[in-house]
């Protein structure tokens, strides 16, 4: 979990630094956040496709263990959610699809919340480590939802903090 948050935070800072250095694409916090979320999604989505023998990162088997019993075809659902995360990441970096991607990702994050709750309550772990506690998983999902909606321009910060440059 902390690796994922780290990827998000470091990516955000790198993109904003690039913006401050003159890269127009990253001229705003909102667009930088959209790209940072996309980078994070590429990392998280990769776990959906990693073979079970890989132990240095979460793998497909770990992801399947997170799927609640009421969800049919858990392995297929893990692959499908990985594909959706990758499509969402691509959509976030393209200006014309950013809004649709942000809203779609927010919906996906809400739909994935039961898996995160189940994983925490059933002690599903990655690579044999301890499971991430529920009190961390839910705020993490809320953060991702908020960033996706902000990137999609569905929610806005206080008027003084709004972006004034459109990219």
N, C-alpha and C. Protein backbone atom coordinates (compact mmCIF):
# COMPACT_ATOMS: atom_id res chain seq x y z
N UNK A 1 0.81 -1.18 0.00
CA UNK A 1 0.00 0.00 0.00
C UNK A 1 0.87 1.26 0.00
N UNK A 2 1.88 1.29 0.86
CA UNK A 2 2.72 2.49 0.95
C UNK A 2 3.52 2.69 -0.32
N UNK A 3 3.84 1.62 -1.02
CA UNK A 3 4.54 1.75 -2.30
C UNK A 3 3.61 2.44 -3.31
N UNK A 4 2.36 2.05 -3.31
CA UNK A 4 1.39 2.61 -4.25
C UNK A 4 1.17 4.10 -3.96
N UNK A 5 1.00 4.45 -2.70
CA UNK A 5 0.84 5.86 -2.32
C UNK A 5 2.12 6.63 -2.67
N UNK A 6 3.27 5.99 -2.48
CA UNK A 6 4.55 6.61 -2.83
C UNK A 6 4.65 6.90 -4.32
N UNK A 7 4.23 5.94 -5.14
CA UNK A 7 4.24 6.15 -6.60
C UNK A 7 3.34 7.33 -6.95
N UNK A 8 2.18 7.39 -6.34
CA UNK A 8 1.25 8.49 -6.59
C UNK A 8 1.87 9.83 -6.18
N UNK A 9 2.42 9.90 -4.98
CA UNK A 9 2.97 11.16 -4.47
C UNK A 9 4.20 11.61 -5.25
N UNK A 10 5.13 10.70 -5.49
CA UNK A 10 6.35 11.05 -6.22
C UNK A 10 6.02 11.45 -7.65
N UNK A 11 5.11 10.72 -8.29
CA UNK A 11 4.71 11.06 -9.66
C UNK A 11 4.09 12.45 -9.70
N UNK A 12 3.23 12.74 -8.74
CA UNK A 12 2.60 14.06 -8.70
C UNK A 12 3.65 15.16 -8.59
N UNK A 13 4.61 14.98 -7.70
CA UNK A 13 5.65 16.00 -7.52
C UNK A 13 6.53 16.13 -8.76
N UNK A 14 6.87 15.03 -9.39
CA UNK A 14 7.70 15.07 -10.60
C UNK A 14 6.95 15.79 -11.72
N UNK A 15 5.66 15.46 -11.91
CA UNK A 15 4.90 16.12 -12.97
C UNK A 15 4.76 17.62 -12.71
N UNK A 16 4.51 18.01 -11.46
CA UNK A 16 4.40 19.44 -11.15
C UNK A 16 5.73 20.15 -11.33
N UNK A 17 6.82 19.48 -10.96
CA UNK A 17 8.14 20.07 -11.17
C UNK A 17 8.37 20.29 -12.67
N UNK A 18 8.01 19.33 -13.47
CA UNK A 18 8.12 19.49 -14.92
C UNK A 18 7.28 20.68 -15.39
N UNK A 19 6.10 20.82 -14.81
CA UNK A 19 5.25 21.96 -15.15
C UNK A 19 5.92 23.28 -14.78
N UNK A 20 6.54 23.32 -13.62
CA UNK A 20 7.21 24.55 -13.19
C UNK A 20 8.45 24.84 -14.05
N UNK A 21 9.00 23.80 -14.65
CA UNK A 21 10.16 23.96 -15.52
C UNK A 21 9.76 24.29 -16.96
N UNK A 22 8.45 24.44 -17.18
CA UNK A 22 7.99 24.88 -18.49
C UNK A 22 7.27 23.86 -19.34
N UNK A 23 7.12 22.64 -18.87
CA UNK A 23 6.37 21.65 -19.65
C UNK A 23 4.89 21.99 -19.49
N UNK A 24 4.30 22.55 -20.53
CA UNK A 24 2.92 23.06 -20.45
C UNK A 24 1.90 21.99 -20.07
N UNK A 25 2.14 20.77 -20.47
CA UNK A 25 1.19 19.70 -20.16
C UNK A 25 0.95 19.59 -18.66
N UNK A 26 1.96 19.87 -17.87
CA UNK A 26 1.85 19.72 -16.42
C UNK A 26 1.77 21.07 -15.71
N UNK A 27 1.13 22.03 -16.36
CA UNK A 27 1.05 23.39 -15.83
C UNK A 27 0.12 23.53 -14.63
N UNK A 28 -0.71 22.52 -14.38
CA UNK A 28 -1.66 22.61 -13.26
C UNK A 28 -1.53 21.39 -12.35
N UNK A 29 -1.94 21.58 -11.13
CA UNK A 29 -1.97 20.45 -10.18
C UNK A 29 -2.97 19.40 -10.64
N UNK A 30 -4.10 19.83 -11.19
CA UNK A 30 -5.15 18.88 -11.60
C UNK A 30 -4.64 17.93 -12.68
N UNK A 31 -4.01 18.48 -13.71
CA UNK A 31 -3.50 17.64 -14.80
C UNK A 31 -2.34 16.78 -14.30
N UNK A 32 -1.50 17.34 -13.46
CA UNK A 32 -0.40 16.56 -12.88
C UNK A 32 -0.95 15.41 -12.05
N UNK A 33 -2.02 15.65 -11.31
CA UNK A 33 -2.65 14.60 -10.51
C UNK A 33 -3.26 13.52 -11.39
N UNK A 34 -3.84 13.92 -12.51
CA UNK A 34 -4.40 12.93 -13.44
C UNK A 34 -3.30 12.01 -13.96
N UNK A 35 -2.16 12.59 -14.32
CA UNK A 35 -1.04 11.79 -14.80
C UNK A 35 -0.44 10.93 -13.69
N UNK A 36 -0.37 11.47 -12.49
CA UNK A 36 0.16 10.70 -11.35
C UNK A 36 -0.74 9.51 -11.06
N UNK A 37 -2.05 9.72 -11.09
CA UNK A 37 -2.97 8.61 -10.87
C UNK A 37 -2.82 7.57 -11.98
N UNK A 38 -2.60 8.03 -13.20
CA UNK A 38 -2.37 7.11 -14.31
C UNK A 38 -1.11 6.27 -14.07
N UNK A 39 -0.04 6.92 -13.63
CA UNK A 39 1.20 6.18 -13.35
C UNK A 39 0.97 5.15 -12.26
N UNK A 40 0.25 5.55 -11.21
CA UNK A 40 -0.03 4.63 -10.12
C UNK A 40 -0.87 3.45 -10.62
N UNK A 41 -1.83 3.72 -11.50
CA UNK A 41 -2.69 2.65 -12.02
C UNK A 41 -1.91 1.65 -12.87
N UNK A 42 -0.92 2.12 -13.60
CA UNK A 42 -0.08 1.19 -14.38
C UNK A 42 0.64 0.23 -13.42
N UNK A 43 1.11 0.76 -12.30
CA UNK A 43 1.79 -0.08 -11.30
C UNK A 43 0.81 -1.07 -10.68
N UNK A 44 -0.35 -0.57 -10.24
CA UNK A 44 -1.30 -1.47 -9.57
C UNK A 44 -1.90 -2.48 -10.55
N UNK A 45 -2.17 -2.05 -11.77
CA UNK A 45 -2.75 -2.96 -12.76
C UNK A 45 -1.79 -4.09 -13.11
N UNK A 46 -0.49 -3.80 -13.06
CA UNK A 46 0.48 -4.85 -13.42
C UNK A 46 0.35 -6.06 -12.52
N UNK A 47 -0.01 -5.87 -11.26
CA UNK A 47 -0.15 -7.00 -10.34
C UNK A 47 -1.24 -7.96 -10.78
N UNK A 48 -2.22 -7.48 -11.52
CA UNK A 48 -3.31 -8.33 -11.98
C UNK A 48 -2.85 -9.39 -12.97
N UNK A 49 -1.68 -9.17 -13.57
CA UNK A 49 -1.20 -10.06 -14.64
C UNK A 49 0.09 -10.80 -14.29
N UNK A 50 0.63 -10.56 -13.10
CA UNK A 50 1.89 -11.18 -12.69
C UNK A 50 1.64 -12.64 -12.28
N UNK A 51 2.43 -13.58 -12.80
CA UNK A 51 2.24 -15.00 -12.44
C UNK A 51 2.46 -15.25 -10.95
N UNK A 52 1.84 -16.31 -10.46
CA UNK A 52 1.87 -16.64 -9.02
C UNK A 52 3.28 -16.86 -8.49
N UNK A 53 4.21 -17.29 -9.31
CA UNK A 53 5.56 -17.55 -8.84
C UNK A 53 6.36 -16.31 -8.48
N UNK A 54 5.91 -15.16 -8.92
CA UNK A 54 6.61 -13.90 -8.64
C UNK A 54 6.30 -13.50 -7.20
N UNK A 55 7.37 -13.23 -6.43
CA UNK A 55 7.16 -12.93 -5.01
C UNK A 55 7.64 -11.56 -4.59
N UNK A 56 8.23 -10.77 -5.48
CA UNK A 56 8.72 -9.46 -5.07
C UNK A 56 7.63 -8.39 -5.14
N UNK A 57 6.47 -8.75 -5.65
CA UNK A 57 5.34 -7.83 -5.72
C UNK A 57 4.05 -8.64 -5.69
N UNK A 58 2.93 -8.00 -5.43
CA UNK A 58 1.66 -8.75 -5.49
C UNK A 58 1.49 -9.39 -6.85
N UNK A 59 0.86 -10.54 -6.88
CA UNK A 59 0.68 -11.25 -8.14
C UNK A 59 -0.80 -11.59 -8.34
N UNK A 60 -1.09 -12.22 -9.45
CA UNK A 60 -2.47 -12.55 -9.81
C UNK A 60 -3.15 -13.37 -8.71
N UNK A 61 -2.45 -14.33 -8.17
CA UNK A 61 -3.02 -15.15 -7.10
C UNK A 61 -3.38 -14.33 -5.87
N UNK A 62 -2.52 -13.38 -5.52
CA UNK A 62 -2.83 -12.49 -4.40
C UNK A 62 -4.10 -11.69 -4.67
N UNK A 63 -4.22 -11.22 -5.90
CA UNK A 63 -5.39 -10.42 -6.27
C UNK A 63 -6.66 -11.29 -6.24
N UNK A 64 -6.55 -12.53 -6.70
CA UNK A 64 -7.71 -13.43 -6.67
C UNK A 64 -8.16 -13.67 -5.23
N UNK A 65 -7.20 -13.77 -4.31
CA UNK A 65 -7.55 -13.99 -2.90
C UNK A 65 -8.32 -12.82 -2.29
N UNK A 66 -8.26 -11.67 -2.91
CA UNK A 66 -8.99 -10.49 -2.42
C UNK A 66 -10.46 -10.50 -2.84
N UNK A 67 -10.80 -11.29 -3.85
CA UNK A 67 -12.15 -11.26 -4.41
C UNK A 67 -13.12 -11.95 -3.45
N UNK A 68 -14.18 -11.25 -3.08
CA UNK A 68 -15.17 -11.85 -2.17
C UNK A 68 -15.82 -13.08 -2.80
N UNK A 69 -16.25 -14.04 -1.98
CA UNK A 69 -16.83 -15.28 -2.50
C UNK A 69 -18.08 -15.08 -3.36
N UNK A 70 -18.81 -14.00 -3.18
CA UNK A 70 -20.05 -13.80 -3.95
C UNK A 70 -19.78 -13.34 -5.38
N UNK A 71 -18.53 -13.00 -5.71
CA UNK A 71 -18.19 -12.55 -7.06
C UNK A 71 -17.86 -13.77 -7.92
N UNK A 72 -18.58 -13.96 -9.04
CA UNK A 72 -18.30 -15.12 -9.89
C UNK A 72 -17.00 -14.93 -10.69
N UNK A 73 -16.40 -16.03 -11.06
CA UNK A 73 -15.20 -16.04 -11.90
C UNK A 73 -14.12 -15.10 -11.38
N UNK A 74 -13.62 -15.33 -10.17
CA UNK A 74 -12.67 -14.38 -9.56
C UNK A 74 -11.42 -14.12 -10.39
N UNK A 75 -10.86 -15.14 -11.01
CA UNK A 75 -9.65 -14.93 -11.81
C UNK A 75 -9.95 -14.02 -13.00
N UNK A 76 -11.05 -14.27 -13.67
CA UNK A 76 -11.45 -13.43 -14.80
C UNK A 76 -11.72 -11.99 -14.34
N UNK A 77 -12.33 -11.83 -13.19
CA UNK A 77 -12.61 -10.49 -12.66
C UNK A 77 -11.32 -9.73 -12.35
N UNK A 78 -10.31 -10.44 -11.88
CA UNK A 78 -9.02 -9.80 -11.62
C UNK A 78 -8.40 -9.32 -12.93
N UNK A 79 -8.43 -10.18 -13.95
CA UNK A 79 -7.91 -9.75 -15.25
C UNK A 79 -8.71 -8.57 -15.78
N UNK A 80 -10.03 -8.64 -15.69
CA UNK A 80 -10.89 -7.57 -16.21
C UNK A 80 -10.62 -6.25 -15.49
N UNK A 81 -10.49 -6.30 -14.17
CA UNK A 81 -10.24 -5.05 -13.43
C UNK A 81 -8.86 -4.49 -13.77
N UNK A 82 -7.89 -5.35 -14.03
CA UNK A 82 -6.57 -4.88 -14.46
C UNK A 82 -6.64 -4.18 -15.81
N UNK A 83 -7.40 -4.74 -16.73
CA UNK A 83 -7.57 -4.12 -18.04
C UNK A 83 -8.28 -2.77 -17.89
N UNK A 84 -9.30 -2.73 -17.04
CA UNK A 84 -10.03 -1.47 -16.83
C UNK A 84 -9.12 -0.40 -16.20
N UNK A 85 -8.25 -0.81 -15.29
CA UNK A 85 -7.31 0.14 -14.70
C UNK A 85 -6.36 0.70 -15.77
N UNK A 86 -5.88 -0.17 -16.65
CA UNK A 86 -4.98 0.29 -17.71
C UNK A 86 -5.70 1.21 -18.69
N UNK A 87 -6.93 0.88 -19.04
CA UNK A 87 -7.70 1.75 -19.92
C UNK A 87 -7.97 3.10 -19.25
N UNK A 88 -8.27 3.06 -17.96
CA UNK A 88 -8.49 4.30 -17.22
C UNK A 88 -7.23 5.15 -17.18
N UNK A 89 -6.09 4.51 -17.00
CA UNK A 89 -4.82 5.24 -16.99
C UNK A 89 -4.58 5.93 -18.33
N UNK A 90 -4.82 5.20 -19.40
CA UNK A 90 -4.66 5.80 -20.74
C UNK A 90 -5.63 6.95 -20.92
N UNK A 91 -6.86 6.77 -20.46
CA UNK A 91 -7.85 7.82 -20.59
C UNK A 91 -7.50 9.07 -19.81
N UNK A 92 -6.85 8.92 -18.67
CA UNK A 92 -6.48 10.07 -17.85
C UNK A 92 -5.42 10.95 -18.51
N UNK A 93 -4.54 10.37 -19.28
CA UNK A 93 -3.45 11.16 -19.88
C UNK A 93 -3.88 11.84 -21.18
N UNK A 94 -4.99 11.43 -21.74
CA UNK A 94 -5.50 12.05 -22.96
C UNK A 94 -6.53 13.10 -22.58
N UNK A 95 -6.29 14.34 -22.97
CA UNK A 95 -7.16 15.45 -22.58
C UNK A 95 -8.62 15.19 -22.97
N UNK A 96 -8.86 14.68 -24.15
CA UNK A 96 -10.22 14.47 -24.63
C UNK A 96 -11.00 13.40 -23.89
N UNK A 97 -10.31 12.48 -23.24
CA UNK A 97 -10.99 11.39 -22.54
C UNK A 97 -10.84 11.48 -21.02
N UNK A 98 -10.16 12.51 -20.55
CA UNK A 98 -9.85 12.60 -19.11
C UNK A 98 -11.11 12.60 -18.25
N UNK A 99 -12.12 13.35 -18.65
CA UNK A 99 -13.34 13.43 -17.85
C UNK A 99 -14.03 12.06 -17.75
N UNK A 100 -14.23 11.42 -18.89
CA UNK A 100 -14.88 10.11 -18.89
C UNK A 100 -14.05 9.09 -18.11
N UNK A 101 -12.73 9.15 -18.28
CA UNK A 101 -11.86 8.21 -17.57
C UNK A 101 -11.92 8.44 -16.07
N UNK A 102 -11.89 9.69 -15.64
CA UNK A 102 -11.93 9.99 -14.21
C UNK A 102 -13.22 9.52 -13.57
N UNK A 103 -14.35 9.78 -14.22
CA UNK A 103 -15.64 9.33 -13.69
C UNK A 103 -15.70 7.81 -13.68
N UNK A 104 -15.27 7.18 -14.77
CA UNK A 104 -15.29 5.72 -14.86
C UNK A 104 -14.39 5.08 -13.80
N UNK A 105 -13.22 5.67 -13.58
CA UNK A 105 -12.33 5.14 -12.55
C UNK A 105 -12.93 5.31 -11.15
N UNK A 106 -13.59 6.43 -10.90
CA UNK A 106 -14.24 6.62 -9.60
C UNK A 106 -15.27 5.52 -9.38
N UNK A 107 -16.04 5.20 -10.41
CA UNK A 107 -17.03 4.11 -10.31
C UNK A 107 -16.31 2.78 -10.07
N UNK A 108 -15.23 2.54 -10.82
CA UNK A 108 -14.47 1.30 -10.63
C UNK A 108 -13.93 1.20 -9.21
N UNK A 109 -13.40 2.29 -8.67
CA UNK A 109 -12.86 2.26 -7.30
C UNK A 109 -13.97 1.96 -6.29
N UNK A 110 -15.16 2.46 -6.53
CA UNK A 110 -16.29 2.14 -5.64
C UNK A 110 -16.64 0.66 -5.76
N UNK A 111 -16.64 0.14 -6.98
CA UNK A 111 -16.96 -1.27 -7.19
C UNK A 111 -15.89 -2.20 -6.61
N UNK A 112 -14.65 -1.72 -6.54
CA UNK A 112 -13.57 -2.52 -5.98
C UNK A 112 -13.51 -2.45 -4.45
N UNK A 113 -14.25 -1.54 -3.87
CA UNK A 113 -14.23 -1.39 -2.42
C UNK A 113 -14.61 -2.67 -1.67
N UNK A 114 -15.64 -3.43 -2.11
CA UNK A 114 -15.93 -4.69 -1.40
C UNK A 114 -14.74 -5.65 -1.38
N UNK A 115 -13.95 -5.68 -2.45
CA UNK A 115 -12.78 -6.55 -2.47
C UNK A 115 -11.75 -6.10 -1.45
N UNK A 116 -11.59 -4.80 -1.32
CA UNK A 116 -10.65 -4.29 -0.32
C UNK A 116 -11.14 -4.55 1.10
N UNK A 117 -12.43 -4.41 1.32
CA UNK A 117 -13.00 -4.71 2.64
C UNK A 117 -12.85 -6.19 2.95
N UNK A 118 -13.20 -7.04 1.97
CA UNK A 118 -13.06 -8.48 2.15
C UNK A 118 -11.61 -8.87 2.43
N UNK A 119 -10.69 -8.29 1.68
CA UNK A 119 -9.26 -8.61 1.87
C UNK A 119 -8.81 -8.26 3.28
N UNK A 120 -9.25 -7.12 3.78
CA UNK A 120 -8.84 -6.71 5.12
C UNK A 120 -9.47 -7.60 6.19
N UNK A 121 -10.74 -7.92 6.03
CA UNK A 121 -11.44 -8.71 7.04
C UNK A 121 -11.05 -10.19 7.01
N UNK A 122 -10.64 -10.68 5.84
CA UNK A 122 -10.24 -12.09 5.73
C UNK A 122 -8.74 -12.28 5.85
N UNK A 123 -8.02 -11.20 6.15
CA UNK A 123 -6.56 -11.22 6.27
C UNK A 123 -5.86 -11.70 5.00
N UNK A 124 -6.41 -11.35 3.85
CA UNK A 124 -5.76 -11.67 2.58
C UNK A 124 -4.47 -10.84 2.49
N UNK A 125 -3.38 -11.52 2.26
CA UNK A 125 -2.10 -10.82 2.24
C UNK A 125 -1.45 -10.93 0.87
N UNK A 126 -0.47 -10.08 0.64
CA UNK A 126 0.32 -10.13 -0.58
C UNK A 126 1.66 -10.74 -0.24
N UNK A 127 2.03 -11.78 -0.96
CA UNK A 127 3.33 -12.45 -0.79
C UNK A 127 3.56 -12.92 0.64
N UNK A 128 2.49 -13.33 1.31
CA UNK A 128 2.62 -13.88 2.66
C UNK A 128 2.80 -12.85 3.75
N UNK A 129 2.82 -11.56 3.41
CA UNK A 129 2.94 -10.51 4.42
C UNK A 129 1.61 -10.31 5.14
N UNK A 130 1.59 -9.37 6.05
CA UNK A 130 0.34 -9.11 6.76
C UNK A 130 -0.62 -8.33 5.88
N UNK A 131 -1.90 -8.56 6.08
CA UNK A 131 -2.92 -7.87 5.31
C UNK A 131 -2.98 -6.40 5.71
N UNK A 132 -3.28 -5.55 4.74
CA UNK A 132 -3.45 -4.13 5.03
C UNK A 132 -4.74 -3.96 5.82
N UNK A 133 -4.69 -3.27 6.95
CA UNK A 133 -5.90 -3.12 7.77
C UNK A 133 -6.97 -2.27 7.08
N UNK A 134 -8.21 -2.55 7.45
CA UNK A 134 -9.35 -1.87 6.86
C UNK A 134 -9.27 -0.36 7.06
N UNK A 135 -8.80 0.07 8.22
CA UNK A 135 -8.75 1.51 8.51
C UNK A 135 -7.78 2.24 7.58
N UNK A 136 -6.91 1.50 6.89
CA UNK A 136 -6.04 2.11 5.88
C UNK A 136 -6.62 1.97 4.47
N UNK A 137 -7.26 0.83 4.22
CA UNK A 137 -7.77 0.56 2.87
C UNK A 137 -8.87 1.52 2.45
N UNK A 138 -9.80 1.80 3.34
CA UNK A 138 -10.93 2.65 2.96
C UNK A 138 -10.48 4.08 2.66
N UNK A 139 -9.68 4.72 3.52
CA UNK A 139 -9.21 6.07 3.17
C UNK A 139 -8.39 6.09 1.88
N UNK A 140 -7.66 5.02 1.63
CA UNK A 140 -6.88 4.93 0.40
C UNK A 140 -7.81 4.95 -0.81
N UNK A 141 -8.88 4.16 -0.77
CA UNK A 141 -9.85 4.14 -1.87
C UNK A 141 -10.52 5.51 -2.03
N UNK A 142 -10.86 6.14 -0.90
CA UNK A 142 -11.48 7.46 -0.95
C UNK A 142 -10.53 8.47 -1.62
N UNK A 143 -9.25 8.38 -1.31
CA UNK A 143 -8.26 9.25 -1.94
C UNK A 143 -8.25 9.06 -3.46
N UNK A 144 -8.24 7.81 -3.90
CA UNK A 144 -8.22 7.53 -5.34
C UNK A 144 -9.50 8.04 -6.02
N UNK A 145 -10.63 7.86 -5.37
CA UNK A 145 -11.90 8.36 -5.91
C UNK A 145 -11.85 9.87 -6.03
N UNK A 146 -11.37 10.54 -4.99
CA UNK A 146 -11.30 12.00 -4.99
C UNK A 146 -10.39 12.51 -6.10
N UNK A 147 -9.24 11.90 -6.28
CA UNK A 147 -8.32 12.34 -7.33
C UNK A 147 -8.92 12.09 -8.71
N UNK A 148 -9.56 10.94 -8.90
CA UNK A 148 -10.19 10.65 -10.18
C UNK A 148 -11.27 11.67 -10.51
N UNK A 149 -12.09 12.01 -9.53
CA UNK A 149 -13.16 12.98 -9.77
C UNK A 149 -12.61 14.39 -9.97
N UNK A 150 -11.56 14.72 -9.24
CA UNK A 150 -10.92 16.03 -9.42
C UNK A 150 -10.30 16.13 -10.81
N UNK A 151 -9.61 15.08 -11.23
CA UNK A 151 -9.01 15.06 -12.57
C UNK A 151 -10.08 15.18 -13.64
N UNK A 152 -11.25 14.62 -13.36
CA UNK A 152 -12.35 14.66 -14.32
C UNK A 152 -13.11 15.99 -14.27
N UNK A 153 -12.70 16.89 -13.38
CA UNK A 153 -13.36 18.18 -13.17
C UNK A 153 -14.79 18.02 -12.67
N UNK A 154 -15.05 16.96 -11.91
CA UNK A 154 -16.36 16.75 -11.30
C UNK A 154 -16.41 17.47 -9.96
N UNK A 155 -15.30 17.49 -9.24
CA UNK A 155 -15.21 18.21 -7.98
C UNK A 155 -14.11 19.25 -8.11
N UNK A 156 -14.25 20.34 -7.40
CA UNK A 156 -13.26 21.41 -7.44
C UNK A 156 -12.86 21.80 -6.03
N UNK A 157 -11.61 22.21 -5.87
CA UNK A 157 -11.18 22.72 -4.57
C UNK A 157 -11.77 24.10 -4.32
N UNK A 158 -11.42 24.69 -3.22
CA UNK A 158 -11.88 26.05 -2.89
C UNK A 158 -11.50 27.01 -4.02
N UNK A 159 -12.28 28.07 -4.23
CA UNK A 159 -12.04 28.98 -5.36
C UNK A 159 -10.61 29.50 -5.46
N UNK A 160 -9.96 29.80 -4.35
CA UNK A 160 -8.60 30.34 -4.40
C UNK A 160 -7.59 29.31 -4.90
N UNK A 161 -7.91 28.03 -4.78
CA UNK A 161 -6.96 26.99 -5.15
C UNK A 161 -7.24 26.41 -6.54
N UNK A 162 -8.23 26.90 -7.24
CA UNK A 162 -8.58 26.34 -8.55
C UNK A 162 -7.47 26.60 -9.57
N UNK A 163 -7.39 25.68 -10.52
CA UNK A 163 -6.43 25.84 -11.61
C UNK A 163 -6.92 26.94 -12.54
N UNK A 164 -6.03 27.76 -13.03
CA UNK A 164 -6.40 28.82 -13.94
C UNK A 164 -5.89 28.56 -15.36
N UNK A 165 -5.11 27.51 -15.54
CA UNK A 165 -4.58 27.19 -16.85
C UNK A 165 -5.22 25.90 -17.31
N UNK A 166 -5.80 25.92 -18.50
CA UNK A 166 -6.42 24.70 -19.04
C UNK A 166 -5.40 23.99 -19.91
N UNK A 167 -5.30 22.66 -19.70
CA UNK A 167 -4.38 21.86 -20.50
C UNK A 167 -5.13 20.70 -21.07
